[in-house]
Amino acid sequence: MPKLKTNKSARKRFKLTKTGKVKRMKEGARHILTKKSSKRKSRLKASTTVHKTFEKKMRSLLPYG
């Protein structure tokens, strides 16, 4: 069997947890931060998991994660 290629953009954006869930960072924390409240900005710093409906797709993009 040939090796499977990892999708490079997915590799930079997603990580797999020990239990096999796909971890991602929240969007919206890069720019236009002056109008966002401190509470909102601190919540955007936290990571979250990808929804279960997209997990199969993410695993195919990250075969060796």
C-alpha atoms as a PDB file:
ATOM      1  CA  MET A   1       0.000   0.000   0.000  1.00  0.00           C
ATOM      2  CA  PRO A   2       1.276   3.501  -0.769  1.00  0.00           C
ATOM      3  CA  LYS A   3       1.492   6.056   1.983  1.00  0.00           C
ATOM      4  CA  LEU A   4      -1.489   8.365   2.445  1.00  0.00           C
ATOM      5  CA  LYS A   5      -0.892  12.081   2.091  1.00  0.00           C
ATOM      6  CA  THR A   6      -1.785  14.355   4.991  1.00  0.00           C
ATOM      7  CA  ASN A   7      -3.645  17.497   3.992  1.00  0.00           C
ATOM      8  CA  LYS A   8      -1.173  20.246   4.922  1.00  0.00           C
ATOM      9  CA  SER A   9      -3.760  22.949   5.634  1.00  0.00           C
ATOM     10  CA  ALA A  10      -5.691  20.582   7.922  1.00  0.00           C
ATOM     11  CA  ARG A  11      -2.494  19.601   9.714  1.00  0.00           C
ATOM     12  CA  LYS A  12      -1.902  23.244  10.638  1.00  0.00           C
ATOM     13  CA  ARG A  13      -5.472  23.806  11.852  1.00  0.00           C
ATOM     14  CA  PHE A  14      -6.492  20.587  13.618  1.00  0.00           C
ATOM     15  CA  LYS A  15      -5.011  18.212  16.176  1.00  0.00           C
ATOM     16  CA  LEU A  16      -6.294  14.866  17.397  1.00  0.00           C
ATOM     17  CA  THR A  17      -6.852  14.376  21.120  1.00  0.00           C
ATOM     18  CA  LYS A  18      -5.883  11.249  23.008  1.00  0.00           C
ATOM     19  CA  THR A  19      -9.484  10.025  22.877  1.00  0.00           C
ATOM     20  CA  GLY A  20      -9.629  10.566  19.099  1.00  0.00           C
ATOM     21  CA  LYS A  21     -11.650  13.769  18.941  1.00  0.00           C
ATOM     22  CA  VAL A  22     -10.560  16.532  16.570  1.00  0.00           C
ATOM     23  CA  LYS A  23      -9.492  19.742  18.301  1.00  0.00           C
ATOM     24  CA  ARG A  24      -9.649  23.184  16.690  1.00  0.00           C
ATOM     25  CA  MET A  25      -9.284  26.830  17.635  1.00  0.00           C
ATOM     26  CA  LYS A  26     -12.246  29.196  17.473  1.00  0.00           C
ATOM     27  CA  GLU A  27     -12.446  31.705  14.645  1.00  0.00           C
ATOM     28  CA  GLY A  28     -12.753  35.450  15.029  1.00  0.00           C
ATOM     29  CA  ALA A  29      -9.777  36.169  17.290  1.00  0.00           C
ATOM     30  CA  ARG A  30      -7.329  37.484  14.668  1.00  0.00           C
ATOM     31  CA  HIS A  31      -8.363  41.045  13.867  1.00  0.00           C
ATOM     32  CA  ILE A  32     -11.033  43.702  14.548  1.00  0.00           C
ATOM     33  CA  LEU A  33     -10.576  43.070  18.260  1.00  0.00           C
ATOM     34  CA  THR A  34     -11.331  46.590  19.493  1.00  0.00           C
ATOM     35  CA  LYS A  35     -15.091  46.220  19.191  1.00  0.00           C
ATOM     36  CA  LYS A  36     -15.143  42.829  20.931  1.00  0.00           C
ATOM     37  CA  SER A  37     -15.530  42.638  24.681  1.00  0.00           C
ATOM     38  CA  SER A  38     -12.796  41.186  26.905  1.00  0.00           C
ATOM     39  CA  LYS A  39     -15.113  38.363  27.879  1.00  0.00           C
ATOM     40  CA  ARG A  40     -15.716  37.472  24.231  1.00  0.00           C
ATOM     41  CA  LYS A  41     -12.003  37.659  23.366  1.00  0.00           C
ATOM     42  CA  SER A  42     -11.022  35.408  26.249  1.00  0.00           C
ATOM     43  CA  ARG A  43     -13.598  32.833  25.152  1.00  0.00           C
ATOM     44  CA  LEU A  44     -12.182  32.931  21.623  1.00  0.00           C
ATOM     45  CA  LYS A  45      -8.747  31.944  22.996  1.00  0.00           C
ATOM     46  CA  ALA A  46     -10.037  28.571  24.168  1.00  0.00           C
ATOM     47  CA  SER A  47      -9.924  25.553  21.895  1.00  0.00           C
ATOM     48  CA  THR A  48     -12.940  23.410  21.133  1.00  0.00           C
ATOM     49  CA  THR A  49     -13.711  20.189  19.287  1.00  0.00           C
ATOM     50  CA  VAL A  50     -14.974  19.734  15.762  1.00  0.00           C
ATOM     51  CA  HIS A  51     -18.637  18.730  15.543  1.00  0.00           C
ATOM     52  CA  LYS A  52     -19.153  14.973  15.325  1.00  0.00           C
ATOM     53  CA  THR A  53     -20.698  15.252  11.845  1.00  0.00           C
ATOM     54  CA  PHE A  54     -17.337  16.509  10.481  1.00  0.00           C
ATOM     55  CA  GLU A  55     -15.049  14.145  12.404  1.00  0.00           C
ATOM     56  CA  LYS A  56     -14.965  11.478   9.676  1.00  0.00           C
ATOM     57  CA  LYS A  57     -13.908  14.056   7.075  1.00  0.00           C
ATOM     58  CA  MET A  58     -11.197  15.444   9.349  1.00  0.00           C
ATOM     59  CA  ARG A  59      -9.798  11.971  10.013  1.00  0.00           C
ATOM     60  CA  SER A  60      -9.445  11.367   6.278  1.00  0.00           C
ATOM     61  CA  LEU A  61      -7.473  14.628   6.010  1.00  0.00           C
ATOM     62  CA  LEU A  62      -5.265  13.592   8.964  1.00  0.00           C
ATOM     63  CA  PRO A  63      -4.597   9.871   8.397  1.00  0.00           C
ATOM     64  CA  TYR A  64      -1.558   9.671  10.682  1.00  0.00           C
ATOM     65  CA  GLY A  65      -2.747  11.928  13.491  1.00  0.00           C
END
